[in-house]
């Protein structure tokens, strides 16, 4: 099954994206849903704060779980290593640590950042 929804470039879209993930993955384990919500909200936040564009969130649940967030912004996201005193810059580090796999696909319209999780269980490494 594939579910897709578009969100505007507004801070409240991040919470709406979390609800969308929760609704689509409601049959999964609590740990999986919470992990997917957190990672999707980090990617959605990056769209609003850095790309300054609306975004499209797609959830695929065939086999494992794959979540992709597409935006119209330029630039390639990178994992940062902020100091404890820096208030931001941890989003992709969280995704990298929690996802089974993740990546960035450049598109003619911008980019897509995706991650995968095992279906029904906690992310690998936990």
PDB file of N, CA and C in Angstrom:
ATOM      1  N   UNK A   1       0.841  -1.184   0.000  1.00  0.00           N
ATOM      2  CA  UNK A   1       0.000   0.000   0.000  1.00  0.00           C
ATOM      3  C   UNK A   1       0.888   1.250   0.000  1.00  0.00           C
ATOM      4  N   UNK A   2       0.463   2.251  -0.749  1.00  0.00           N
ATOM      5  CA  UNK A   2       1.169   3.529  -0.790  1.00  0.00           C
ATOM      6  C   UNK A   2       0.179   4.639  -0.463  1.00  0.00           C
ATOM      7  N   UNK A   3       0.573   5.517   0.448  1.00  0.00           N
ATOM      8  CA  UNK A   3      -0.242   6.674   0.823  1.00  0.00           C
ATOM      9  C   UNK A   3       0.612   7.922   0.671  1.00  0.00           C
ATOM     10  N   UNK A   4       0.040   8.951   0.041  1.00  0.00           N
ATOM     11  CA  UNK A   4       0.763  10.202  -0.202  1.00  0.00           C
ATOM     12  C   UNK A   4      -0.117  11.370   0.193  1.00  0.00           C
ATOM     13  N   UNK A   5       0.525  12.385   0.772  1.00  0.00           N
ATOM     14  CA  UNK A   5      -0.194  13.614   1.116  1.00  0.00           C
ATOM     15  C   UNK A   5       0.745  14.794   0.954  1.00  0.00           C
ATOM     16  N   UNK A   6       0.201  15.910   0.483  1.00  0.00           N
ATOM     17  CA  UNK A   6       0.969  17.155   0.358  1.00  0.00           C
ATOM     18  C   UNK A   6       0.702  18.042   1.561  1.00  0.00           C
ATOM     19  N   UNK A   7       1.725  18.789   1.962  1.00  0.00           N
ATOM     20  CA  UNK A   7       1.633  19.684   3.107  1.00  0.00           C
ATOM     21  C   UNK A   7       2.186  21.049   2.711  1.00  0.00           C
ATOM     22  N   UNK A   8       1.631  22.125   3.270  1.00  0.00           N
ATOM     23  CA  UNK A   8       2.135  23.470   2.967  1.00  0.00           C
ATOM     24  C   UNK A   8       3.410  23.775   3.752  1.00  0.00           C
ATOM     25  N   UNK A   9       4.081  24.821   3.360  1.00  0.00           N
ATOM     26  CA  UNK A   9       5.288  25.268   4.066  1.00  0.00           C
ATOM     27  C   UNK A   9       4.867  26.111   5.265  1.00  0.00           C
ATOM     28  N   UNK A  10       4.385  25.433   6.290  1.00  0.00           N
ATOM     29  CA  UNK A  10       3.948  26.079   7.525  1.00  0.00           C
ATOM     30  C   UNK A  10       4.396  25.217   8.694  1.00  0.00           C
ATOM     31  N   UNK A  11       4.775  25.830   9.810  1.00  0.00           N
ATOM     32  CA  UNK A  11       5.214  25.038  10.963  1.00  0.00           C
ATOM     33  C   UNK A  11       4.200  23.983  11.403  1.00  0.00           C
ATOM     34  N   UNK A  12       2.905  24.297  11.334  1.00  0.00           N
ATOM     35  CA  UNK A  12       1.893  23.334  11.775  1.00  0.00           C
ATOM     36  C   UNK A  12       1.805  22.118  10.850  1.00  0.00           C
ATOM     37  N   UNK A  13       2.399  22.187   9.674  1.00  0.00           N
ATOM     38  CA  UNK A  13       2.416  21.044   8.766  1.00  0.00           C
ATOM     39  C   UNK A  13       3.240  19.892   9.334  1.00  0.00           C
ATOM     40  N   UNK A  14       4.210  20.200  10.184  1.00  0.00           N
ATOM     41  CA  UNK A  14       5.039  19.151  10.784  1.00  0.00           C
ATOM     42  C   UNK A  14       4.178  18.257  11.686  1.00  0.00           C
ATOM     43  N   UNK A  15       3.344  18.844  12.508  1.00  0.00           N
ATOM     44  CA  UNK A  15       2.445  18.056  13.358  1.00  0.00           C
ATOM     45  C   UNK A  15       1.439  17.286  12.507  1.00  0.00           C
ATOM     46  N   UNK A  16       0.957  17.897  11.435  1.00  0.00           N
ATOM     47  CA  UNK A  16       0.028  17.210  10.540  1.00  0.00           C
ATOM     48  C   UNK A  16       0.705  16.014   9.868  1.00  0.00           C
ATOM     49  N   UNK A  17       1.966  16.161   9.516  1.00  0.00           N
ATOM     50  CA  UNK A  17       2.708  15.052   8.919  1.00  0.00           C
ATOM     51  C   UNK A  17       2.858  13.902   9.917  1.00  0.00           C
ATOM     52  N   UNK A  18       3.115  14.226  11.186  1.00  0.00           N
ATOM     53  CA  UNK A  18       3.204  13.185  12.221  1.00  0.00           C
ATOM     54  C   UNK A  18       1.880  12.438  12.335  1.00  0.00           C
ATOM     55  N   UNK A  19       0.769  13.157  12.337  1.00  0.00           N
ATOM     56  CA  UNK A  19      -0.552  12.511  12.424  1.00  0.00           C
ATOM     57  C   UNK A  19      -0.803  11.612  11.216  1.00  0.00           C
ATOM     58  N   UNK A  20      -0.398  12.066  10.035  1.00  0.00           N
ATOM     59  CA  UNK A  20      -0.547  11.272   8.821  1.00  0.00           C
ATOM     60  C   UNK A  20       0.217   9.955   8.953  1.00  0.00           C
ATOM     61  N   UNK A  21       1.458  10.028   9.408  1.00  0.00           N
ATOM     62  CA  UNK A  21       2.265   8.816   9.604  1.00  0.00           C
ATOM     63  C   UNK A  21       1.586   7.893  10.615  1.00  0.00           C
ATOM     64  N   UNK A  22       1.141   8.452  11.721  1.00  0.00           N
ATOM     65  CA  UNK A  22       0.480   7.660  12.766  1.00  0.00           C
ATOM     66  C   UNK A  22      -0.767   6.961  12.222  1.00  0.00           C
ATOM     67  N   UNK A  23      -1.559   7.689  11.443  1.00  0.00           N
ATOM     68  CA  UNK A  23      -2.779   7.109  10.884  1.00  0.00           C
ATOM     69  C   UNK A  23      -2.484   5.984   9.891  1.00  0.00           C
ATOM     70  N   UNK A  24      -1.537   6.206   8.996  1.00  0.00           N
ATOM     71  CA  UNK A  24      -1.217   5.203   7.985  1.00  0.00           C
ATOM     72  C   UNK A  24      -0.604   3.952   8.615  1.00  0.00           C
ATOM     73  N   UNK A  25       0.223   4.128   9.632  1.00  0.00           N
ATOM     74  CA  UNK A  25       0.941   2.993  10.242  1.00  0.00           C
ATOM     75  C   UNK A  25       0.254   2.447  11.493  1.00  0.00           C
ATOM     76  N   UNK A  26      -1.004   2.763  11.703  1.00  0.00           N
ATOM     77  CA  UNK A  26      -1.706   2.393  12.941  1.00  0.00           C
ATOM     78  C   UNK A  26      -1.688   0.889  13.229  1.00  0.00           C
ATOM     79  N   UNK A  27      -1.494   0.040  12.223  1.00  0.00           N
ATOM     80  CA  UNK A  27      -1.460  -1.412  12.418  1.00  0.00           C
ATOM     81  C   UNK A  27      -0.076  -1.905  12.869  1.00  0.00           C
ATOM     82  N   UNK A  28       0.922  -1.040  12.853  1.00  0.00           N
ATOM     83  CA  UNK A  28       2.286  -1.426  13.205  1.00  0.00           C
ATOM     84  C   UNK A  28       2.505  -1.348  14.721  1.00  0.00           C
ATOM     85  N   UNK A  29       3.639  -1.853  15.175  1.00  0.00           N
ATOM     86  CA  UNK A  29       3.963  -1.774  16.596  1.00  0.00           C
ATOM     87  C   UNK A  29       4.117  -0.320  17.028  1.00  0.00           C
ATOM     88  N   UNK A  30       3.893  -0.068  18.289  1.00  0.00           N
ATOM     89  CA  UNK A  30       4.031   1.290  18.820  1.00  0.00           C
ATOM     90  C   UNK A  30       5.429   1.837  18.572  1.00  0.00           C
ATOM     91  N   UNK A  31       6.455   1.000  18.758  1.00  0.00           N
ATOM     92  CA  UNK A  31       7.836   1.432  18.554  1.00  0.00           C
ATOM     93  C   UNK A  31       8.083   1.857  17.108  1.00  0.00           C
ATOM     94  N   UNK A  32       7.527   1.090  16.178  1.00  0.00           N
ATOM     95  CA  UNK A  32       7.692   1.425  14.762  1.00  0.00           C
ATOM     96  C   UNK A  32       6.999   2.739  14.431  1.00  0.00           C
ATOM     97  N   UNK A  33       5.770   2.899  14.906  1.00  0.00           N
ATOM     98  CA  UNK A  33       5.021   4.130  14.640  1.00  0.00           C
ATOM     99  C   UNK A  33       5.741   5.334  15.227  1.00  0.00           C
ATOM    100  N   UNK A  34       6.182   5.232  16.467  1.00  0.00           N
ATOM    101  CA  UNK A  34       6.869   6.364  17.107  1.00  0.00           C
ATOM    102  C   UNK A  34       8.172   6.697  16.395  1.00  0.00           C
ATOM    103  N   UNK A  35       8.924   5.692  15.978  1.00  0.00           N
ATOM    104  CA  UNK A  35      10.174   5.938  15.247  1.00  0.00           C
ATOM    105  C   UNK A  35       9.891   6.616  13.913  1.00  0.00           C
ATOM    106  N   UNK A  36       8.898   6.092  13.182  1.00  0.00           N
ATOM    107  CA  UNK A  36       8.552   6.673  11.882  1.00  0.00           C
ATOM    108  C   UNK A  36       8.052   8.104  12.027  1.00  0.00           C
ATOM    109  N   UNK A  37       7.224   8.351  13.046  1.00  0.00           N
ATOM    110  CA  UNK A  37       6.727   9.717  13.292  1.00  0.00           C
ATOM    111  C   UNK A  37       7.873  10.686  13.541  1.00  0.00           C
ATOM    112  N   UNK A  38       8.801  10.290  14.407  1.00  0.00           N
ATOM    113  CA  UNK A  38       9.924  11.166  14.749  1.00  0.00           C
ATOM    114  C   UNK A  38      10.766  11.472  13.518  1.00  0.00           C
ATOM    115  N   UNK A  39      11.139  10.435  12.780  1.00  0.00           N
ATOM    116  CA  UNK A  39      11.992  10.666  11.612  1.00  0.00           C
ATOM    117  C   UNK A  39      11.278  11.472  10.533  1.00  0.00           C
ATOM    118  N   UNK A  40      10.013  11.178  10.285  1.00  0.00           N
ATOM    119  CA  UNK A  40       9.256  11.946   9.290  1.00  0.00           C
ATOM    120  C   UNK A  40       9.129  13.407   9.712  1.00  0.00           C
ATOM    121  N   UNK A  41       8.934  13.649  11.002  1.00  0.00           N
ATOM    122  CA  UNK A  41       8.807  15.039  11.456  1.00  0.00           C
ATOM    123  C   UNK A  41      10.138  15.781  11.338  1.00  0.00           C
ATOM    124  N   UNK A  42      11.252  15.085  11.525  1.00  0.00           N
ATOM    125  CA  UNK A  42      12.557  15.726  11.321  1.00  0.00           C
ATOM    126  C   UNK A  42      12.726  16.139   9.856  1.00  0.00           C
ATOM    127  N   UNK A  43      12.328  15.258   8.938  1.00  0.00           N
ATOM    128  CA  UNK A  43      12.438  15.586   7.518  1.00  0.00           C
ATOM    129  C   UNK A  43      11.463  16.696   7.125  1.00  0.00           C
ATOM    130  N   UNK A  44      10.259  16.654   7.667  1.00  0.00           N
ATOM    131  CA  UNK A  44       9.278  17.711   7.395  1.00  0.00           C
ATOM    132  C   UNK A  44       9.774  19.057   7.924  1.00  0.00           C
ATOM    133  N   UNK A  45      10.351  19.050   9.101  1.00  0.00           N
ATOM    134  CA  UNK A  45      10.906  20.275   9.684  1.00  0.00           C
ATOM    135  C   UNK A  45      11.984  20.854   8.778  1.00  0.00           C
ATOM    136  N   UNK A  46      12.821  19.990   8.217  1.00  0.00           N
ATOM    137  CA  UNK A  46      13.860  20.470   7.303  1.00  0.00           C
ATOM    138  C   UNK A  46      13.254  21.152   6.073  1.00  0.00           C
ATOM    139  N   UNK A  47      12.141  20.624   5.576  1.00  0.00           N
ATOM    140  CA  UNK A  47      11.475  21.247   4.426  1.00  0.00           C
ATOM    141  C   UNK A  47      11.017  22.661   4.766  1.00  0.00           C
ATOM    142  N   UNK A  48      10.396  22.796   5.923  1.00  0.00           N
ATOM    143  CA  UNK A  48       9.851  24.092   6.326  1.00  0.00           C
ATOM    144  C   UNK A  48      10.971  25.069   6.685  1.00  0.00           C
ATOM    145  N   UNK A  49      11.955  24.619   7.457  1.00  0.00           N
ATOM    146  CA  UNK A  49      13.000  25.522   7.953  1.00  0.00           C
ATOM    147  C   UNK A  49      14.100  25.823   6.961  1.00  0.00           C
ATOM    148  N   UNK A  50      14.455  24.843   6.134  1.00  0.00           N
ATOM    149  CA  UNK A  50      15.625  25.022   5.266  1.00  0.00           C
ATOM    150  C   UNK A  50      15.266  25.130   3.787  1.00  0.00           C
ATOM    151  N   UNK A  51      14.365  24.270   3.296  1.00  0.00           N
ATOM    152  CA  UNK A  51      13.992  24.319   1.879  1.00  0.00           C
ATOM    153  C   UNK A  51      12.997  25.446   1.616  1.00  0.00           C
ATOM    154  N   UNK A  52      12.239  25.835   2.650  1.00  0.00           N
ATOM    155  CA  UNK A  52      11.228  26.893   2.528  1.00  0.00           C
ATOM    156  C   UNK A  52      10.201  26.566   1.439  1.00  0.00           C
ATOM    157  N   UNK A  53       9.808  25.287   1.377  1.00  0.00           N
ATOM    158  CA  UNK A  53       8.796  24.871   0.413  1.00  0.00           C
ATOM    159  C   UNK A  53       7.802  23.937   1.095  1.00  0.00           C
ATOM    160  N   UNK A  54       6.651  23.778   0.450  1.00  0.00           N
ATOM    161  CA  UNK A  54       5.747  22.728   0.872  1.00  0.00           C
ATOM    162  C   UNK A  54       6.425  21.394   0.596  1.00  0.00           C
ATOM    163  N   UNK A  55       5.802  20.312   1.035  1.00  0.00           N
ATOM    164  CA  UNK A  55       6.415  19.004   0.835  1.00  0.00           C
ATOM    165  C   UNK A  55       5.355  17.938   0.634  1.00  0.00           C
ATOM    166  N   UNK A  56       5.799  16.840   0.055  1.00  0.00           N
ATOM    167  CA  UNK A  56       4.944  15.685  -0.172  1.00  0.00           C
ATOM    168  C   UNK A  56       5.530  14.522   0.622  1.00  0.00           C
ATOM    169  N   UNK A  57       4.698  13.870   1.400  1.00  0.00           N
ATOM    170  CA  UNK A  57       5.130  12.744   2.220  1.00  0.00           C
ATOM    171  C   UNK A  57       4.465  11.483   1.677  1.00  0.00           C
ATOM    172  N   UNK A  58       5.276  10.483   1.338  1.00  0.00           N
ATOM    173  CA  UNK A  58       4.778   9.217   0.809  1.00  0.00           C
ATOM    174  C   UNK A  58       5.210   8.094   1.738  1.00  0.00           C
ATOM    175  N   UNK A  59       4.258   7.226   2.064  1.00  0.00           N
ATOM    176  CA  UNK A  59       4.521   6.070   2.919  1.00  0.00           C
ATOM    177  C   UNK A  59       4.180   4.820   2.128  1.00  0.00           C
ATOM    178  N   UNK A  60       5.160   3.929   1.983  1.00  0.00           N
ATOM    179  CA  UNK A  60       4.955   2.641   1.330  1.00  0.00           C
ATOM    180  C   UNK A  60       5.091   1.551   2.381  1.00  0.00           C
ATOM    181  N   UNK A  61       4.164   0.611   2.359  1.00  0.00           N
ATOM    182  CA  UNK A  61       4.180  -0.441   3.382  1.00  0.00           C
ATOM    183  C   UNK A  61       4.244  -1.843   2.785  1.00  0.00           C
ATOM    184  N   UNK A  62       4.702  -1.977   1.549  1.00  0.00           N
ATOM    185  CA  UNK A  62       4.906  -3.297   0.969  1.00  0.00           C
ATOM    186  C   UNK A  62       6.209  -3.864   1.504  1.00  0.00           C
ATOM    187  N   UNK A  63       6.157  -5.024   2.147  1.00  0.00           N
ATOM    188  CA  UNK A  63       7.360  -5.595   2.747  1.00  0.00           C
ATOM    189  C   UNK A  63       7.728  -4.816   3.985  1.00  0.00           C
ATOM    190  N   UNK A  64       8.711  -3.959   3.892  1.00  0.00           N
ATOM    191  CA  UNK A  64       9.072  -3.064   4.985  1.00  0.00           C
ATOM    192  C   UNK A  64       8.331  -1.749   4.852  1.00  0.00           C
ATOM    193  N   UNK A  65       8.795  -0.770   5.575  1.00  0.00           N
ATOM    194  CA  UNK A  65       8.190   0.563   5.538  1.00  0.00           C
ATOM    195  C   UNK A  65       9.212   1.514   4.931  1.00  0.00           C
ATOM    196  N   UNK A  66       8.771   2.278   3.935  1.00  0.00           N
ATOM    197  CA  UNK A  66       9.618   3.298   3.314  1.00  0.00           C
ATOM    198  C   UNK A  66       8.849   4.604   3.331  1.00  0.00           C
ATOM    199  N   UNK A  67       9.481   5.622   3.900  1.00  0.00           N
ATOM    200  CA  UNK A  67       8.878   6.949   3.963  1.00  0.00           C
ATOM    201  C   UNK A  67       9.786   7.905   3.204  1.00  0.00           C
ATOM    202  N   UNK A  68       9.155   8.705   2.345  1.00  0.00           N
ATOM    203  CA  UNK A  68       9.895   9.655   1.522  1.00  0.00           C
ATOM    204  C   UNK A  68       9.264  11.029   1.677  1.00  0.00           C
ATOM    205  N   UNK A  69      10.108  12.038   1.828  1.00  0.00           N
ATOM    206  CA  UNK A  69       9.648  13.420   1.921  1.00  0.00           C
ATOM    207  C   UNK A  69      10.304  14.197   0.781  1.00  0.00           C
ATOM    208  N   UNK A  70       9.463  14.739  -0.115  1.00  0.00           N
ATOM    209  CA  UNK A  70       9.941  15.496  -1.283  1.00  0.00           C
ATOM    210  C   UNK A  70       9.671  16.980  -1.081  1.00  0.00           C
ATOM    211  N   UNK A  71      10.643  17.791  -1.450  1.00  0.00           N
ATOM    212  CA  UNK A  71      10.433  19.235  -1.405  1.00  0.00           C
ATOM    213  C   UNK A  71      11.017  19.866  -2.656  1.00  0.00           C
ATOM    214  N   UNK A  72      10.761  21.149  -2.827  1.00  0.00           N
ATOM    215  CA  UNK A  72      11.238  21.873  -4.000  1.00  0.00           C
ATOM    216  C   UNK A  72      12.489  22.678  -3.755  1.00  0.00           C
ATOM    217  N   UNK A  73      13.153  22.437  -2.642  1.00  0.00           N
ATOM    218  CA  UNK A  73      14.341  23.208  -2.307  1.00  0.00           C
ATOM    219  C   UNK A  73      15.587  22.693  -3.000  1.00  0.00           C
ATOM    220  N   UNK A  74      16.552  23.585  -3.146  1.00  0.00           N
ATOM    221  CA  UNK A  74      17.835  23.194  -3.722  1.00  0.00           C
ATOM    222  C   UNK A  74      18.775  22.775  -2.605  1.00  0.00           C
ATOM    223  N   UNK A  75      19.904  22.255  -2.979  1.00  0.00           N
ATOM    224  CA  UNK A  75      20.898  21.840  -1.992  1.00  0.00           C
ATOM    225  C   UNK A  75      20.710  20.397  -1.589  1.00  0.00           C
ATOM    226  N   UNK A  76      21.776  19.805  -1.104  1.00  0.00           N
ATOM    227  CA  UNK A  76      21.764  18.405  -0.683  1.00  0.00           C
ATOM    228  C   UNK A  76      21.904  18.353   0.837  1.00  0.00           C
ATOM    229  N   UNK A  77      20.927  17.764   1.516  1.00  0.00           N
ATOM    230  CA  UNK A  77      20.999  17.678   2.979  1.00  0.00           C
ATOM    231  C   UNK A  77      22.208  16.850   3.418  1.00  0.00           C
ATOM    232  N   UNK A  78      22.774  17.230   4.555  1.00  0.00           N
ATOM    233  CA  UNK A  78      23.930  16.527   5.115  1.00  0.00           C
ATOM    234  C   UNK A  78      23.726  16.305   6.604  1.00  0.00           C
ATOM    235  N   UNK A  79      24.290  15.230   7.091  1.00  0.00           N
ATOM    236  CA  UNK A  79      24.289  14.992   8.532  1.00  0.00           C
ATOM    237  C   UNK A  79      25.263  15.976   9.151  1.00  0.00           C
ATOM    238  N   UNK A  80      24.795  16.719  10.151  1.00  0.00           N
ATOM    239  CA  UNK A  80      25.644  17.676  10.867  1.00  0.00           C
ATOM    240  C   UNK A  80      26.041  17.077  12.205  1.00  0.00           C
ATOM    241  N   UNK A  81      27.022  17.670  12.826  1.00  0.00           N
ATOM    242  CA  UNK A  81      27.490  17.224  14.138  1.00  0.00           C
ATOM    243  C   UNK A  81      27.551  18.433  15.076  1.00  0.00           C
ATOM    244  N   UNK A  82      26.371  18.925  15.491  1.00  0.00           N
ATOM    245  CA  UNK A  82      26.344  20.132  16.330  1.00  0.00           C
ATOM    246  C   UNK A  82      26.896  19.858  17.731  1.00  0.00           C
ATOM    247  N   UNK A  83      27.382  20.915  18.342  1.00  0.00           N
ATOM    248  CA  UNK A  83      27.832  20.802  19.728  1.00  0.00           C
ATOM    249  C   UNK A  83      26.600  20.736  20.631  1.00  0.00           C
ATOM    250  N   UNK A  84      26.751  20.307  21.871  1.00  0.00           N
ATOM    251  CA  UNK A  84      25.597  20.250  22.779  1.00  0.00           C
ATOM    252  C   UNK A  84      24.905  21.597  22.969  1.00  0.00           C
ATOM    253  N   UNK A  85      25.628  22.697  22.794  1.00  0.00           N
ATOM    254  CA  UNK A  85      25.039  24.025  22.980  1.00  0.00           C
ATOM    255  C   UNK A  85      24.278  24.535  21.759  1.00  0.00           C
ATOM    256  N   UNK A  86      24.485  23.923  20.604  1.00  0.00           N
ATOM    257  CA  UNK A  86      23.779  24.354  19.395  1.00  0.00           C
ATOM    258  C   UNK A  86      22.347  23.819  19.434  1.00  0.00           C
ATOM    259  N   UNK A  87      21.363  24.699  19.177  1.00  0.00           N
ATOM    260  CA  UNK A  87      19.964  24.297  19.328  1.00  0.00           C
ATOM    261  C   UNK A  87      19.383  23.501  18.164  1.00  0.00           C
ATOM    262  N   UNK A  88      20.085  23.365  17.063  1.00  0.00           N
ATOM    263  CA  UNK A  88      19.534  22.689  15.881  1.00  0.00           C
ATOM    264  C   UNK A  88      20.623  21.892  15.190  1.00  0.00           C
ATOM    265  N   UNK A  89      20.226  21.160  14.149  1.00  0.00           N
ATOM    266  CA  UNK A  89      21.200  20.443  13.343  1.00  0.00           C
ATOM    267  C   UNK A  89      21.273  18.954  13.617  1.00  0.00           C
ATOM    268  N   UNK A  90      20.287  18.395  14.319  1.00  0.00           N
ATOM    269  CA  UNK A  90      20.337  16.984  14.688  1.00  0.00           C
ATOM    270  C   UNK A  90      19.406  16.088  13.872  1.00  0.00           C
ATOM    271  N   UNK A  91      18.561  16.682  13.035  1.00  0.00           N
ATOM    272  CA  UNK A  91      17.514  15.930  12.341  1.00  0.00           C
ATOM    273  C   UNK A  91      18.010  14.749  11.532  1.00  0.00           C
ATOM    274  N   UNK A  92      18.939  14.970  10.612  1.00  0.00           N
ATOM    275  CA  UNK A  92      19.424  13.854   9.798  1.00  0.00           C
ATOM    276  C   UNK A  92      20.261  12.879  10.611  1.00  0.00           C
ATOM    277  N   UNK A  93      20.895  13.351  11.664  1.00  0.00           N
ATOM    278  CA  UNK A  93      21.610  12.438  12.558  1.00  0.00           C
ATOM    279  C   UNK A  93      20.651  11.476  13.243  1.00  0.00           C
ATOM    280  N   UNK A  94      19.483  11.974  13.607  1.00  0.00           N
ATOM    281  CA  UNK A  94      18.449  11.127  14.195  1.00  0.00           C
ATOM    282  C   UNK A  94      17.985  10.096  13.176  1.00  0.00           C
ATOM    283  N   UNK A  95      17.736  10.539  11.958  1.00  0.00           N
ATOM    284  CA  UNK A  95      17.307   9.615  10.899  1.00  0.00           C
ATOM    285  C   UNK A  95      18.386   8.562  10.655  1.00  0.00           C
ATOM    286  N   UNK A  96      19.623   8.995  10.541  1.00  0.00           N
ATOM    287  CA  UNK A  96      20.731   8.067  10.299  1.00  0.00           C
ATOM    288  C   UNK A  96      20.837   7.022  11.410  1.00  0.00           C
ATOM    289  N   UNK A  97      20.649   7.446  12.648  1.00  0.00           N
ATOM    290  CA  UNK A  97      20.781   6.534  13.786  1.00  0.00           C
ATOM    291  C   UNK A  97      19.606   5.563  13.911  1.00  0.00           C
ATOM    292  N   UNK A  98      18.415   5.978  13.530  1.00  0.00           N
ATOM    293  CA  UNK A  98      17.224   5.164  13.772  1.00  0.00           C
ATOM    294  C   UNK A  98      16.764   4.328  12.588  1.00  0.00           C
ATOM    295  N   UNK A  99      17.034   4.764  11.375  1.00  0.00           N
ATOM    296  CA  UNK A  99      16.531   4.069  10.188  1.00  0.00           C
ATOM    297  C   UNK A  99      17.388   2.857   9.858  1.00  0.00           C
ATOM    298  N   UNK A 100      16.767   1.894   9.179  1.00  0.00           N
ATOM    299  CA  UNK A 100      17.539   0.766   8.654  1.00  0.00           C
ATOM    300  C   UNK A 100      18.420   1.246   7.508  1.00  0.00           C
ATOM    301  N   UNK A 101      17.894   2.176   6.710  1.00  0.00           N
ATOM    302  CA  UNK A 101      18.632   2.788   5.611  1.00  0.00           C
ATOM    303  C   UNK A 101      17.988   4.138   5.327  1.00  0.00           C
ATOM    304  N   UNK A 102      18.742   5.042   4.700  1.00  0.00           N
ATOM    305  CA  UNK A 102      18.194   6.338   4.318  1.00  0.00           C
ATOM    306  C   UNK A 102      19.037   6.905   3.191  1.00  0.00           C
ATOM    307  N   UNK A 103      18.502   7.910   2.514  1.00  0.00           N
ATOM    308  CA  UNK A 103      19.256   8.520   1.443  1.00  0.00           C
ATOM    309  C   UNK A 103      18.565   9.746   0.891  1.00  0.00           C
ATOM    310  N   UNK A 104      19.217  10.349  -0.091  1.00  0.00           N
ATOM    311  CA  UNK A 104      18.714  11.556  -0.747  1.00  0.00           C
ATOM    312  C   UNK A 104      18.712  11.298  -2.244  1.00  0.00           C
ATOM    313  N   UNK A 105      17.612  11.645  -2.895  1.00  0.00           N
ATOM    314  CA  UNK A 105      17.496  11.540  -4.348  1.00  0.00           C
ATOM    315  C   UNK A 105      17.271  12.947  -4.880  1.00  0.00           C
ATOM    316  N   UNK A 106      18.158  13.398  -5.741  1.00  0.00           N
ATOM    317  CA  UNK A 106      17.964  14.701  -6.376  1.00  0.00           C
ATOM    318  C   UNK A 106      16.958  14.527  -7.501  1.00  0.00           C
ATOM    319  N   UNK A 107      16.024  15.467  -7.605  1.00  0.00           N
ATOM    320  CA  UNK A 107      15.002  15.430  -8.643  1.00  0.00           C
ATOM    321  C   UNK A 107      15.033  16.748  -9.404  1.00  0.00           C
ATOM    322  N   UNK A 108      14.428  16.805 -10.588  1.00  0.00           N
ATOM    323  CA  UNK A 108      14.386  18.073 -11.319  1.00  0.00           C
ATOM    324  C   UNK A 108      13.675  19.170 -10.530  1.00  0.00           C
ATOM    325  N   UNK A 109      12.741  18.782  -9.658  1.00  0.00           N
ATOM    326  CA  UNK A 109      11.972  19.761  -8.886  1.00  0.00           C
ATOM    327  C   UNK A 109      12.600  20.089  -7.533  1.00  0.00           C
ATOM    328  N   UNK A 110      13.625  19.372  -7.112  1.00  0.00           N
ATOM    329  CA  UNK A 110      14.220  19.575  -5.784  1.00  0.00           C
ATOM    330  C   UNK A 110      14.917  18.319  -5.312  1.00  0.00           C
ATOM    331  N   UNK A 111      14.344  17.687  -4.273  1.00  0.00           N
ATOM    332  CA  UNK A 111      14.967  16.479  -3.730  1.00  0.00           C
ATOM    333  C   UNK A 111      13.941  15.661  -2.971  1.00  0.00           C
ATOM    334  N   UNK A 112      14.306  14.408  -2.745  1.00  0.00           N
ATOM    335  CA  UNK A 112      13.514  13.511  -1.910  1.00  0.00           C
ATOM    336  C   UNK A 112      14.454  12.882  -0.905  1.00  0.00           C
ATOM    337  N   UNK A 113      14.095  12.936   0.360  1.00  0.00           N
ATOM    338  CA  UNK A 113      14.862  12.276   1.415  1.00  0.00           C
ATOM    339  C   UNK A 113      13.987  11.128   1.895  1.00  0.00           C
ATOM    340  N   UNK A 114      14.559   9.928   1.972  1.00  0.00           N
ATOM    341  CA  UNK A 114      13.793   8.737   2.305  1.00  0.00           C
ATOM    342  C   UNK A 114      14.477   7.954   3.421  1.00  0.00           C
ATOM    343  N   UNK A 115      13.687   7.114   4.079  1.00  0.00           N
ATOM    344  CA  UNK A 115      14.242   6.156   5.037  1.00  0.00           C
ATOM    345  C   UNK A 115      13.386   4.908   5.050  1.00  0.00           C
ATOM    346  N   UNK A 116      13.984   3.810   5.525  1.00  0.00           N
ATOM    347  CA  UNK A 116      13.256   2.554   5.635  1.00  0.00           C
ATOM    348  C   UNK A 116      13.327   2.035   7.060  1.00  0.00           C
ATOM    349  N   UNK A 117      12.296   1.272   7.406  1.00  0.00           N
ATOM    350  CA  UNK A 117      12.212   0.576   8.696  1.00  0.00           C
ATOM    351  C   UNK A 117      11.691  -0.826   8.437  1.00  0.00           C
ATOM    352  N   UNK A 118      12.088  -1.761   9.275  1.00  0.00           N
ATOM    353  CA  UNK A 118      11.521  -3.108   9.197  1.00  0.00           C
ATOM    354  C   UNK A 118      10.058  -3.031   9.556  1.00  0.00           C
ATOM    355  N   UNK A 119       9.234  -3.792   8.899  1.00  0.00           N
ATOM    356  CA  UNK A 119       7.790  -3.792   9.150  1.00  0.00           C
ATOM    357  C   UNK A 119       7.481  -4.455  10.484  1.00  0.00           C
ATOM    358  N   UNK A 120       6.753  -3.728  11.340  1.00  0.00           N
ATOM    359  CA  UNK A 120       6.244  -4.305  12.571  1.00  0.00           C
ATOM    360  C   UNK A 120       7.198  -4.349  13.738  1.00  0.00           C
ATOM    361  N   UNK A 121       8.480  -4.118  13.536  1.00  0.00           N
ATOM    362  CA  UNK A 121       9.415  -4.187  14.649  1.00  0.00           C
ATOM    363  C   UNK A 121      10.153  -2.892  14.834  1.00  0.00           C
ATOM    364  N   UNK A 122      10.987  -2.854  15.849  1.00  0.00           N
ATOM    365  CA  UNK A 122      11.809  -1.685  16.105  1.00  0.00           C
ATOM    366  C   UNK A 122      12.899  -1.619  15.026  1.00  0.00           C
ATOM    367  N   UNK A 123      13.466  -0.436  14.784  1.00  0.00           N
ATOM    368  CA  UNK A 123      14.546  -0.322  13.815  1.00  0.00           C
ATOM    369  C   UNK A 123      15.707  -1.236  14.197  1.00  0.00           C
ATOM    370  N   UNK A 124      16.459  -1.659  13.194  1.00  0.00           N
ATOM    371  CA  UNK A 124      17.597  -2.522  13.475  1.00  0.00           C
ATOM    372  C   UNK A 124      18.598  -1.787  14.367  1.00  0.00           C
ATOM    373  N   UNK A 125      19.352  -2.551  15.127  1.00  0.00           N
ATOM    374  CA  UNK A 125      20.347  -1.953  16.008  1.00  0.00           C
ATOM    375  C   UNK A 125      19.830  -1.625  17.380  1.00  0.00           C
ATOM    376  N   UNK A 126      18.560  -1.869  17.641  1.00  0.00           N
ATOM    377  CA  UNK A 126      18.019  -1.580  18.974  1.00  0.00           C
ATOM    378  C   UNK A 126      17.838  -2.845  19.749  1.00  0.00           C
TER     379      UNK A 126
END
